[in-house]
PDB file of N, CA and C in Angstrom:
ATOM      1  N   MET A   1       1.354  12.630  -8.371  1.00  0.00           N
ATOM      2  CA  MET A   1       1.582  11.230  -8.361  1.00  0.00           C
ATOM      3  C   MET A   1       1.595  10.710  -6.945  1.00  0.00           C
ATOM      4  N   VAL A   2       1.074   9.517  -6.697  1.00  0.00           N
ATOM      5  CA  VAL A   2       1.008   8.857  -5.476  1.00  0.00           C
ATOM      6  C   VAL A   2       2.413   8.198  -5.209  1.00  0.00           C
ATOM      7  N   ARG A   3       2.947   8.412  -4.088  1.00  0.00           N
ATOM      8  CA  ARG A   3       4.231   7.780  -3.678  1.00  0.00           C
ATOM      9  C   ARG A   3       3.876   6.669  -2.764  1.00  0.00           C
ATOM     10  N   VAL A   4       4.278   5.417  -3.129  1.00  0.00           N
ATOM     11  CA  VAL A   4       3.933   4.255  -2.333  1.00  0.00           C
ATOM     12  C   VAL A   4       5.198   3.564  -1.866  1.00  0.00           C
ATOM     13  N   LYS A   5       5.324   3.542  -0.482  1.00  0.00           N
ATOM     14  CA  LYS A   5       6.519   2.890   0.130  1.00  0.00           C
ATOM     15  C   LYS A   5       6.093   1.547   0.635  1.00  0.00           C
ATOM     16  N   LEU A   6       6.844   0.569   0.259  1.00  0.00           N
ATOM     17  CA  LEU A   6       6.531  -0.880   0.575  1.00  0.00           C
ATOM     18  C   LEU A   6       7.569  -1.439   1.498  1.00  0.00           C
ATOM     19  N   MET A   7       7.082  -2.131   2.531  1.00  0.00           N
ATOM     20  CA  MET A   7       8.038  -2.663   3.551  1.00  0.00           C
ATOM     21  C   MET A   7       7.878  -4.229   3.517  1.00  0.00           C
ATOM     22  N   GLY A   8       8.935  -4.880   4.010  1.00  0.00           N
ATOM     23  CA  GLY A   8       8.934  -6.308   4.175  1.00  0.00           C
ATOM     24  C   GLY A   8       8.528  -7.097   2.982  1.00  0.00           C
ATOM     25  N   ALA A   9       7.638  -8.024   3.219  1.00  0.00           N
ATOM     26  CA  ALA A   9       7.180  -8.944   2.093  1.00  0.00           C
ATOM     27  C   ALA A   9       6.519  -8.193   0.919  1.00  0.00           C
ATOM     28  N   PHE A  10       5.862  -7.063   1.232  1.00  0.00           N
ATOM     29  CA  PHE A  10       5.284  -6.308   0.162  1.00  0.00           C
ATOM     30  C   PHE A  10       6.331  -5.774  -0.820  1.00  0.00           C
ATOM     31  N   ALA A  11       7.450  -5.296  -0.371  1.00  0.00           N
ATOM     32  CA  ALA A  11       8.523  -4.834  -1.162  1.00  0.00           C
ATOM     33  C   ALA A  11       9.087  -5.988  -1.994  1.00  0.00           C
ATOM     34  N   HIS A  12       9.211  -7.157  -1.398  1.00  0.00           N
ATOM     35  CA  HIS A  12       9.760  -8.326  -2.035  1.00  0.00           C
ATOM     36  C   HIS A  12       8.817  -8.724  -3.190  1.00  0.00           C
ATOM     37  N   LEU A  13       7.516  -8.828  -2.921  1.00  0.00           N
ATOM     38  CA  LEU A  13       6.570  -9.245  -3.925  1.00  0.00           C
ATOM     39  C   LEU A  13       6.456  -8.253  -5.116  1.00  0.00           C
ATOM     40  N   ALA A  14       6.504  -6.943  -4.740  1.00  0.00           N
ATOM     41  CA  ALA A  14       6.387  -5.949  -5.853  1.00  0.00           C
ATOM     42  C   ALA A  14       7.710  -5.666  -6.532  1.00  0.00           C
ATOM     43  N   GLY A  15       8.790  -6.209  -5.970  1.00  0.00           N
ATOM     44  CA  GLY A  15      10.153  -5.940  -6.628  1.00  0.00           C
ATOM     45  C   GLY A  15      10.645  -4.535  -6.443  1.00  0.00           C
ATOM     46  N   ALA A  16      10.099  -3.822  -5.465  1.00  0.00           N
ATOM     47  CA  ALA A  16      10.565  -2.425  -5.285  1.00  0.00           C
ATOM     48  C   ALA A  16      10.162  -1.978  -3.855  1.00  0.00           C
ATOM     49  N   ARG A  17      10.984  -1.069  -3.319  1.00  0.00           N
ATOM     50  CA  ARG A  17      10.665  -0.477  -1.967  1.00  0.00           C
ATOM     51  C   ARG A  17       9.788   0.749  -2.114  1.00  0.00           C
ATOM     52  N   GLU A  18       9.887   1.380  -3.278  1.00  0.00           N
ATOM     53  CA  GLU A  18       9.123   2.603  -3.479  1.00  0.00           C
ATOM     54  C   GLU A  18       8.653   2.699  -4.923  1.00  0.00           C
ATOM     55  N   LEU A  19       7.416   3.055  -5.097  1.00  0.00           N
ATOM     56  CA  LEU A  19       6.798   3.245  -6.414  1.00  0.00           C
ATOM     57  C   LEU A  19       6.112   4.567  -6.526  1.00  0.00           C
ATOM     58  N   HIS A  20       6.065   5.155  -7.657  1.00  0.00           N
ATOM     59  CA  HIS A  20       5.346   6.410  -7.990  1.00  0.00           C
ATOM     60  C   HIS A  20       4.267   6.046  -9.002  1.00  0.00           C
ATOM     61  N   VAL A  21       3.033   6.310  -8.618  1.00  0.00           N
ATOM     62  CA  VAL A  21       1.931   5.878  -9.529  1.00  0.00           C
ATOM     63  C   VAL A  21       1.019   7.074  -9.822  1.00  0.00           C
ATOM     64  N   LYS A  22       0.716   7.219 -11.110  1.00  0.00           N
ATOM     65  CA  LYS A  22      -0.182   8.187 -11.560  1.00  0.00           C
ATOM     66  C   LYS A  22      -1.644   7.645 -11.495  1.00  0.00           C
ATOM     67  N   LEU A  23      -2.509   8.283 -10.789  1.00  0.00           N
ATOM     68  CA  LEU A  23      -3.862   7.788 -10.552  1.00  0.00           C
ATOM     69  C   LEU A  23      -4.719   8.010 -11.808  1.00  0.00           C
ATOM     70  N   GLU A  24      -5.476   7.017 -12.144  1.00  0.00           N
ATOM     71  CA  GLU A  24      -6.463   7.130 -13.294  1.00  0.00           C
ATOM     72  C   GLU A  24      -7.826   6.961 -12.610  1.00  0.00           C
ATOM     73  N   GLY A  25      -8.414   8.105 -12.227  1.00  0.00           N
ATOM     74  CA  GLY A  25      -9.725   8.051 -11.557  1.00  0.00           C
ATOM     75  C   GLY A  25      -9.579   7.774 -10.060  1.00  0.00           C
ATOM     76  N   LYS A  26     -10.802   7.645  -9.378  1.00  0.00           N
ATOM     77  CA  LYS A  26     -10.745   7.426  -7.965  1.00  0.00           C
ATOM     78  C   LYS A  26     -10.404   5.992  -7.605  1.00  0.00           C
ATOM     79  N   LYS A  27      -9.616   5.806  -6.526  1.00  0.00           N
ATOM     80  CA  LYS A  27      -9.290   4.469  -6.124  1.00  0.00           C
ATOM     81  C   LYS A  27      -9.131   4.466  -4.533  1.00  0.00           C
ATOM     82  N   THR A  28      -9.415   3.326  -3.989  1.00  0.00           N
ATOM     83  CA  THR A  28      -9.076   3.097  -2.618  1.00  0.00           C
ATOM     84  C   THR A  28      -7.703   2.648  -2.470  1.00  0.00           C
ATOM     85  N   VAL A  29      -7.185   2.672  -1.265  1.00  0.00           N
ATOM     86  CA  VAL A  29      -5.809   2.141  -0.984  1.00  0.00           C
ATOM     87  C   VAL A  29      -5.742   0.693  -1.379  1.00  0.00           C
ATOM     88  N   ASP A  30      -6.745  -0.114  -0.956  1.00  0.00           N
ATOM     89  CA  ASP A  30      -6.758  -1.539  -1.324  1.00  0.00           C
ATOM     90  C   ASP A  30      -6.752  -1.758  -2.842  1.00  0.00           C
ATOM     91  N   GLU A  31      -7.551  -1.012  -3.559  1.00  0.00           N
ATOM     92  CA  GLU A  31      -7.567  -1.194  -5.046  1.00  0.00           C
ATOM     93  C   GLU A  31      -6.218  -0.888  -5.671  1.00  0.00           C
ATOM     94  N   LEU A  32      -5.579   0.190  -5.187  1.00  0.00           N
ATOM     95  CA  LEU A  32      -4.286   0.551  -5.700  1.00  0.00           C
ATOM     96  C   LEU A  32      -3.230  -0.519  -5.375  1.00  0.00           C
ATOM     97  N   LEU A  33      -3.216  -0.981  -4.143  1.00  0.00           N
ATOM     98  CA  LEU A  33      -2.201  -1.944  -3.728  1.00  0.00           C
ATOM     99  C   LEU A  33      -2.383  -3.311  -4.343  1.00  0.00           C
ATOM    100  N   ARG A  34      -3.608  -3.641  -4.634  1.00  0.00           N
ATOM    101  CA  ARG A  34      -3.924  -4.945  -5.401  1.00  0.00           C
ATOM    102  C   ARG A  34      -3.257  -4.886  -6.806  1.00  0.00           C
ATOM    103  N   GLU A  35      -3.206  -3.730  -7.419  1.00  0.00           N
ATOM    104  CA  GLU A  35      -2.635  -3.583  -8.723  1.00  0.00           C
ATOM    105  C   GLU A  35      -1.103  -3.642  -8.686  1.00  0.00           C
ATOM    106  N   LEU A  36      -0.521  -3.262  -7.546  1.00  0.00           N
ATOM    107  CA  LEU A  36       0.937  -3.141  -7.438  1.00  0.00           C
ATOM    108  C   LEU A  36       1.611  -4.370  -6.781  1.00  0.00           C
ATOM    109  N   ILE A  37       0.878  -5.029  -5.877  1.00  0.00           N
ATOM    110  CA  ILE A  37       1.458  -6.105  -5.087  1.00  0.00           C
ATOM    111  C   ILE A  37       0.796  -7.462  -5.392  1.00  0.00           C
ATOM    112  N   PRO A  38       1.532  -8.378  -6.042  1.00  0.00           N
ATOM    113  CA  PRO A  38       0.936  -9.685  -6.214  1.00  0.00           C
ATOM    114  C   PRO A  38       0.649 -10.322  -4.840  1.00  0.00           C
ATOM    115  N   ARG A  39      -0.487 -11.023  -4.759  1.00  0.00           N
ATOM    116  CA  ARG A  39      -0.925 -11.712  -3.557  1.00  0.00           C
ATOM    117  C   ARG A  39      -1.211 -10.857  -2.448  1.00  0.00           C
ATOM    118  N   TYR A  40      -1.506  -9.573  -2.714  1.00  0.00           N
ATOM    119  CA  TYR A  40      -1.807  -8.601  -1.604  1.00  0.00           C
ATOM    120  C   TYR A  40      -2.886  -9.114  -0.673  1.00  0.00           C
ATOM    121  N   ASP A  41      -3.978  -9.699  -1.227  1.00  0.00           N
ATOM    122  CA  ASP A  41      -5.084 -10.055  -0.454  1.00  0.00           C
ATOM    123  C   ASP A  41      -4.813 -11.290   0.477  1.00  0.00           C
ATOM    124  N   GLU A  42      -3.646 -11.944   0.275  1.00  0.00           N
ATOM    125  CA  GLU A  42      -3.293 -13.036   1.169  1.00  0.00           C
ATOM    126  C   GLU A  42      -2.864 -12.525   2.548  1.00  0.00           C
ATOM    127  N   PHE A  43      -2.524 -11.281   2.594  1.00  0.00           N
ATOM    128  CA  PHE A  43      -2.097 -10.719   3.874  1.00  0.00           C
ATOM    129  C   PHE A  43      -3.263 -10.047   4.563  1.00  0.00           C
ATOM    130  N   HIS A  44      -3.827 -10.706   5.569  1.00  0.00           N
ATOM    131  CA  HIS A  44      -5.029 -10.176   6.247  1.00  0.00           C
ATOM    132  C   HIS A  44      -4.645  -9.050   7.179  1.00  0.00           C
ATOM    133  N   ASP A  45      -3.513  -9.125   7.792  1.00  0.00           N
ATOM    134  CA  ASP A  45      -3.090  -8.120   8.757  1.00  0.00           C
ATOM    135  C   ASP A  45      -2.004  -7.208   8.138  1.00  0.00           C
ATOM    136  N   LYS A  46      -2.256  -5.935   8.058  1.00  0.00           N
ATOM    137  CA  LYS A  46      -1.282  -5.009   7.500  1.00  0.00           C
ATOM    138  C   LYS A  46      -1.480  -3.653   8.165  1.00  0.00           C
ATOM    139  N   ILE A  47      -0.412  -2.858   8.170  1.00  0.00           N
ATOM    140  CA  ILE A  47      -0.461  -1.492   8.644  1.00  0.00           C
ATOM    141  C   ILE A  47      -0.413  -0.582   7.417  1.00  0.00           C
ATOM    142  N   ILE A  48      -1.362   0.298   7.335  1.00  0.00           N
ATOM    143  CA  ILE A  48      -1.424   1.255   6.185  1.00  0.00           C
ATOM    144  C   ILE A  48      -1.406   2.661   6.791  1.00  0.00           C
ATOM    145  N   MET A  49      -0.501   3.425   6.249  1.00  0.00           N
ATOM    146  CA  MET A  49      -0.323   4.893   6.604  1.00  0.00           C
ATOM    147  C   MET A  49      -0.546   5.706   5.377  1.00  0.00           C
ATOM    148  N   ILE A  50      -1.322   6.819   5.518  1.00  0.00           N
ATOM    149  CA  ILE A  50      -1.477   7.751   4.441  1.00  0.00           C
ATOM    150  C   ILE A  50      -1.048   9.079   5.030  1.00  0.00           C
ATOM    151  N   ASN A  51       0.019   9.647   4.370  1.00  0.00           N
ATOM    152  CA  ASN A  51       0.592  10.943   4.792  1.00  0.00           C
ATOM    153  C   ASN A  51       0.934  10.941   6.266  1.00  0.00           C
ATOM    154  N   GLY A  52       1.432   9.828   6.769  1.00  0.00           N
ATOM    155  CA  GLY A  52       1.867   9.680   8.129  1.00  0.00           C
ATOM    156  C   GLY A  52       0.774   9.399   9.152  1.00  0.00           C
ATOM    157  N   HIS A  53      -0.436   9.146   8.706  1.00  0.00           N
ATOM    158  CA  HIS A  53      -1.551   8.860   9.613  1.00  0.00           C
ATOM    159  C   HIS A  53      -2.124   7.497   9.311  1.00  0.00           C
ATOM    160  N   PRO A  54      -2.501   6.762  10.418  1.00  0.00           N
ATOM    161  CA  PRO A  54      -3.085   5.460  10.216  1.00  0.00           C
ATOM    162  C   PRO A  54      -4.336   5.504   9.304  1.00  0.00           C
ATOM    163  N   ALA A  55      -4.476   4.484   8.440  1.00  0.00           N
ATOM    164  CA  ALA A  55      -5.624   4.497   7.518  1.00  0.00           C
ATOM    165  C   ALA A  55      -6.135   3.057   7.306  1.00  0.00           C
ATOM    166  N   ARG A  56      -7.244   2.941   6.735  1.00  0.00           N
ATOM    167  CA  ARG A  56      -7.835   1.639   6.406  1.00  0.00           C
ATOM    168  C   ARG A  56      -7.776   1.476   4.916  1.00  0.00           C
ATOM    169  N   GLY A  57      -7.917   0.249   4.449  1.00  0.00           N
ATOM    170  CA  GLY A  57      -7.861  -0.061   3.064  1.00  0.00           C
ATOM    171  C   GLY A  57      -8.938   0.584   2.174  1.00  0.00           C
ATOM    172  N   ASP A  58      -9.987   0.959   2.852  1.00  0.00           N
ATOM    173  CA  ASP A  58     -11.133   1.551   2.104  1.00  0.00           C
ATOM    174  C   ASP A  58     -11.014   3.083   1.986  1.00  0.00           C
ATOM    175  N   ALA A  59      -9.876   3.625   2.464  1.00  0.00           N
ATOM    176  CA  ALA A  59      -9.659   5.091   2.318  1.00  0.00           C
ATOM    177  C   ALA A  59      -9.410   5.465   0.864  1.00  0.00           C
ATOM    178  N   GLU A  60      -9.953   6.582   0.408  1.00  0.00           N
ATOM    179  CA  GLU A  60      -9.716   6.994  -0.924  1.00  0.00           C
ATOM    180  C   GLU A  60      -8.372   7.692  -1.097  1.00  0.00           C
ATOM    181  N   VAL A  61      -7.673   7.375  -2.181  1.00  0.00           N
ATOM    182  CA  VAL A  61      -6.340   7.886  -2.429  1.00  0.00           C
ATOM    183  C   VAL A  61      -6.429   9.195  -3.232  1.00  0.00           C
ATOM    184  N   GLU A  62      -5.656  10.202  -2.844  1.00  0.00           N
ATOM    185  CA  GLU A  62      -5.520  11.459  -3.643  1.00  0.00           C
ATOM    186  C   GLU A  62      -4.204  11.373  -4.364  1.00  0.00           C
ATOM    187  N   ASP A  63      -4.083  12.112  -5.472  1.00  0.00           N
ATOM    188  CA  ASP A  63      -2.914  12.058  -6.319  1.00  0.00           C
ATOM    189  C   ASP A  63      -1.690  12.579  -5.677  1.00  0.00           C
ATOM    190  N   THR A  64      -1.799  13.292  -4.588  1.00  0.00           N
ATOM    191  CA  THR A  64      -0.593  13.823  -3.884  1.00  0.00           C
ATOM    192  C   THR A  64      -0.227  13.056  -2.664  1.00  0.00           C
ATOM    193  N   ASP A  65      -0.867  11.949  -2.380  1.00  0.00           N
ATOM    194  CA  ASP A  65      -0.740  11.173  -1.157  1.00  0.00           C
ATOM    195  C   ASP A  65       0.612  10.378  -1.143  1.00  0.00           C
ATOM    196  N   GLU A  66       1.091  10.128   0.110  1.00  0.00           N
ATOM    197  CA  GLU A  66       2.177   9.167   0.280  1.00  0.00           C
ATOM    198  C   GLU A  66       1.594   8.042   1.121  1.00  0.00           C
ATOM    199  N   ILE A  67       1.732   6.822   0.590  1.00  0.00           N
ATOM    200  CA  ILE A  67       1.123   5.696   1.275  1.00  0.00           C
ATOM    201  C   ILE A  67       2.300   4.752   1.662  1.00  0.00           C
ATOM    202  N   LYS A  68       2.241   4.315   2.924  1.00  0.00           N
ATOM    203  CA  LYS A  68       3.238   3.323   3.395  1.00  0.00           C
ATOM    204  C   LYS A  68       2.444   2.093   3.851  1.00  0.00           C
ATOM    205  N   VAL A  69       2.890   0.889   3.450  1.00  0.00           N
ATOM    206  CA  VAL A  69       2.149  -0.263   3.798  1.00  0.00           C
ATOM    207  C   VAL A  69       3.178  -1.339   4.270  1.00  0.00           C
ATOM    208  N   MET A  70       2.847  -2.008   5.412  1.00  0.00           N
ATOM    209  CA  MET A  70       3.757  -3.073   5.901  1.00  0.00           C
ATOM    210  C   MET A  70       2.928  -4.185   6.428  1.00  0.00           C
ATOM    211  N   PRO A  71       3.404  -5.463   6.207  1.00  0.00           N
ATOM    212  CA  PRO A  71       2.684  -6.584   6.759  1.00  0.00           C
ATOM    213  C   PRO A  71       2.920  -6.651   8.285  1.00  0.00           C
ATOM    214  N   VAL A  72       1.927  -7.189   8.988  1.00  0.00           N
ATOM    215  CA  VAL A  72       2.087  -7.368  10.408  1.00  0.00           C
ATOM    216  C   VAL A  72       2.618  -8.776  10.614  1.00  0.00           C
ATOM    217  N   LEU A  73       3.741  -8.893  11.296  1.00  0.00           N
ATOM    218  CA  LEU A  73       4.334 -10.166  11.512  1.00  0.00           C
ATOM    219  C   LEU A  73       4.021 -10.577  12.960  1.00  0.00           C
ATOM    220  N   SER A  74       3.753 -11.848  13.128  1.00  0.00           N
ATOM    221  CA  SER A  74       3.501 -12.368  14.452  1.00  0.00           C
ATOM    222  C   SER A  74       4.217 -13.741  14.637  1.00  0.00           C
ATOM    223  N   GLY A  75       4.371 -14.134  15.817  1.00  0.00           N
ATOM    224  CA  GLY A  75       5.028 -15.353  16.045  1.00  0.00           C
ATOM    225  C   GLY A  75       5.498 -15.430  17.532  1.00  0.00           C
ATOM    226  N   GLY A  76       6.140 -16.496  17.852  1.00  0.00           N
ATOM    227  CA  GLY A  76       6.456 -16.596  19.306  1.00  0.00           C
ATOM    228  C   GLY A  76       7.798 -17.269  19.448  1.00  0.00           C
TER     229      GLY A  76
END
C-alpha cells in the first residue's frame, strides 16, 4: 500500500493527514493525488517527496512508496 502524508491545505481538503491507498495499476504521483485531494490542480506550487527524496508529479508510484505532499506558501 502507498502511504500518503498530506500537509497544510491538502490535509484539510482531503479530510485526513495520512491515507493508505492500494494501487490499481501504474499511476503517477499527480494522478494519485488528483483522486485523493479535491482541487489538487489549483495548487501550482507544491513540494512532493517520495520515500524522503524530492520528486516531480510525473514520477511513477510504487505500491510500497511513502509520498508526502505540501503546498508552497508565499506572501510578504
